[in-house]
Amino acid sequence: MQDLFTMLTTLRRPRLLIRAARMGVQDYRRDRHLQRLLGYGTLPRPAAALMRLIEMERAMNEQRRDDDAGYSLPRHLDVLIAMMGEAQLLRAARPAAVA
């Protein structure tokens, strides 16, 4: 099974969607954004949250590609922003590689 970072680097999404998410990640606040996406209550750890967000985003991308009427671009963008934010938190929490 692939690790989370490999899964993220292999995602292929429209360039404009990724650029918009990169701009939005600067204002990402875990407590506010993640609760809105995953539901209220105790927030999962970054790795668990990232796995759930990846699954949500995969379903949204299928809707986008299928021109599904239920597809929401703002919600897809919110999920991508949260994915990038959680990935940053996970990278920061990882111990530095020993040289």
Protein backbone atom coordinates (compact mmCIF):
# COMPACT_ATOMS: atom_id res chain seq x y z
CA MET A 1 0.00 0.00 0.00
CA GLN A 2 1.19 3.48 -0.81
CA ASP A 3 1.99 5.92 1.95
CA LEU A 4 -0.01 9.14 2.25
CA PHE A 5 2.59 11.38 0.65
CA THR A 6 2.94 9.10 -2.36
CA MET A 7 -0.82 9.10 -2.76
CA LEU A 8 -0.84 12.89 -2.74
CA THR A 9 1.99 13.26 -5.22
CA THR A 10 0.31 10.92 -7.70
CA LEU A 11 -2.97 12.87 -7.77
CA ARG A 12 -3.64 14.49 -11.14
CA ARG A 13 -6.13 17.32 -11.01
CA PRO A 14 -6.74 20.39 -13.20
CA ARG A 15 -4.01 22.97 -12.75
CA LEU A 16 -6.44 25.78 -11.95
CA LEU A 17 -8.07 23.75 -9.17
CA ILE A 18 -4.69 23.01 -7.58
CA ARG A 19 -3.54 26.62 -7.88
CA ALA A 20 -6.71 27.84 -6.16
CA ALA A 21 -6.25 25.28 -3.38
CA ARG A 22 -2.63 26.37 -2.86
CA MET A 23 -3.79 29.93 -2.38
CA GLY A 24 -6.48 28.85 0.05
CA VAL A 25 -4.19 26.68 2.18
CA GLN A 26 -2.53 29.84 3.50
CA ASP A 27 -5.73 30.56 5.46
CA TYR A 28 -6.38 26.95 6.51
CA ARG A 29 -7.45 26.61 10.14
CA ARG A 30 -7.79 22.99 11.18
CA ASP A 31 -10.38 23.46 13.90
CA ARG A 32 -12.70 25.51 11.72
CA HIS A 33 -12.29 23.92 8.29
CA LEU A 34 -11.87 20.29 9.22
CA GLN A 35 -14.93 20.22 11.46
CA ARG A 36 -17.05 21.62 8.67
CA LEU A 37 -15.89 18.87 6.31
CA LEU A 38 -15.70 15.85 8.62
CA GLY A 39 -18.38 16.73 11.12
CA TYR A 40 -18.28 18.23 14.55
CA GLY A 41 -16.78 16.49 17.53
CA THR A 42 -13.26 15.37 18.27
CA LEU A 43 -10.93 15.98 15.36
CA PRO A 44 -8.97 12.97 14.10
CA ARG A 45 -5.20 13.04 13.98
CA PRO A 46 -3.69 14.50 10.78
CA ALA A 47 -2.97 11.10 9.17
CA ALA A 48 -6.50 9.78 9.80
CA ALA A 49 -8.03 13.07 8.67
CA LEU A 50 -5.94 13.03 5.52
CA MET A 51 -7.08 9.49 4.66
CA ARG A 52 -10.73 10.51 5.02
CA LEU A 53 -10.17 13.66 2.97
CA ILE A 54 -8.45 11.67 0.20
CA GLU A 55 -11.48 9.38 -0.04
CA MET A 56 -13.87 12.34 -0.07
CA GLU A 57 -11.83 14.07 -2.76
CA ARG A 58 -11.66 10.93 -4.89
CA ALA A 59 -15.47 10.72 -4.90
CA MET A 60 -15.76 14.43 -5.72
CA ASN A 61 -13.31 14.10 -8.57
CA GLU A 62 -15.36 11.27 -10.04
CA GLN A 63 -18.44 13.50 -9.87
CA ARG A 64 -16.49 16.28 -11.61
CA ARG A 65 -15.28 13.97 -14.37
CA ASP A 66 -18.78 12.50 -14.86
CA ASP A 67 -20.39 15.98 -15.05
CA ASP A 68 -22.62 14.97 -12.14
CA ALA A 69 -25.25 17.58 -11.28
CA GLY A 70 -24.46 17.12 -7.57
CA TYR A 71 -20.84 18.21 -7.99
CA SER A 72 -19.87 21.28 -5.99
CA LEU A 73 -16.71 23.11 -7.03
CA PRO A 74 -16.48 25.15 -3.79
CA ARG A 75 -16.79 21.99 -1.67
CA HIS A 76 -14.17 20.20 -3.83
CA LEU A 77 -11.87 23.17 -3.35
CA ASP A 78 -12.48 23.11 0.43
CA VAL A 79 -11.51 19.43 0.54
CA LEU A 80 -8.34 20.04 -1.49
CA ILE A 81 -7.37 22.93 0.79
CA ALA A 82 -7.91 20.73 3.85
CA MET A 83 -5.86 17.94 2.25
CA MET A 84 -2.96 20.30 1.65
CA GLY A 85 -3.23 21.75 5.14
CA GLU A 86 -3.28 18.33 6.80
CA ALA A 87 -0.33 17.21 4.67
CA GLN A 88 1.63 20.24 5.88
CA LEU A 89 0.80 19.38 9.50
CA LEU A 90 1.83 15.77 8.94
CA ARG A 91 5.14 16.78 7.34
CA ALA A 92 5.88 19.19 10.20
CA ALA A 93 5.16 16.47 12.79
CA ARG A 94 7.39 13.90 11.07
CA PRO A 95 10.82 13.52 12.66
CA ALA A 96 13.61 14.86 10.51
CA ALA A 97 15.39 12.24 8.46
CA VAL A 98 18.72 11.19 9.90
CA ALA A 99 21.57 11.91 7.51
